[in-house]
Amino acid sequence: MQNHAHPNTVTSTTKLLLLQVTWINGDK
């Protein structure tokens, strides 16, 4: 594995985190 993250990986991770936050907030 490389020590630095690729922009695409960061974007994908951010999108997943945003989806989780949206799902949690929508479940309330």
C-alpha atoms as a PDB file:
ATOM      1  CA  MET A   1       0.000   0.000   0.000  1.00  0.00           C
ATOM      2  CA  GLN A   2       1.098   3.536  -0.658  1.00  0.00           C
ATOM      3  CA  ASN A   3       1.453   6.041   2.167  1.00  0.00           C
ATOM      4  CA  HIS A   4      -0.364   8.785   0.290  1.00  0.00           C
ATOM      5  CA  ALA A   5      -4.012   8.612  -0.723  1.00  0.00           C
ATOM      6  CA  HIS A   6      -5.102   9.274  -4.267  1.00  0.00           C
ATOM      7  CA  PRO A   7      -7.658  12.075  -4.844  1.00  0.00           C
ATOM      8  CA  ASN A   8     -10.122   9.497  -6.180  1.00  0.00           C
ATOM      9  CA  THR A   9      -9.800   7.443  -3.014  1.00  0.00           C
ATOM     10  CA  VAL A  10     -10.318  10.504  -0.831  1.00  0.00           C
ATOM     11  CA  THR A  11     -13.368  11.522  -2.855  1.00  0.00           C
ATOM     12  CA  SER A  12     -14.872   8.042  -2.649  1.00  0.00           C
ATOM     13  CA  THR A  13     -14.279   7.884   1.100  1.00  0.00           C
ATOM     14  CA  THR A  14     -15.783  11.335   1.582  1.00  0.00           C
ATOM     15  CA  LYS A  15     -18.868  10.376  -0.433  1.00  0.00           C
ATOM     16  CA  LEU A  16     -19.314   7.240   1.662  1.00  0.00           C
ATOM     17  CA  LEU A  17     -19.038   9.273   4.859  1.00  0.00           C
ATOM     18  CA  LEU A  18     -21.561  11.810   3.561  1.00  0.00           C
ATOM     19  CA  LEU A  19     -23.952   9.005   2.637  1.00  0.00           C
ATOM     20  CA  GLN A  20     -23.673   7.536   6.132  1.00  0.00           C
ATOM     21  CA  VAL A  21     -24.323  10.927   7.746  1.00  0.00           C
ATOM     22  CA  THR A  22     -27.306  11.538   5.478  1.00  0.00           C
ATOM     23  CA  TRP A  23     -28.711   8.078   6.212  1.00  0.00           C
ATOM     24  CA  ILE A  24     -28.292   8.502   9.978  1.00  0.00           C
ATOM     25  CA  ASN A  25     -29.846  11.971   9.943  1.00  0.00           C
ATOM     26  CA  GLY A  26     -32.712  10.759   7.753  1.00  0.00           C
ATOM     27  CA  ASP A  27     -33.385   7.850  10.126  1.00  0.00           C
ATOM     28  CA  LYS A  28     -34.067  10.180  13.034  1.00  0.00           C
END
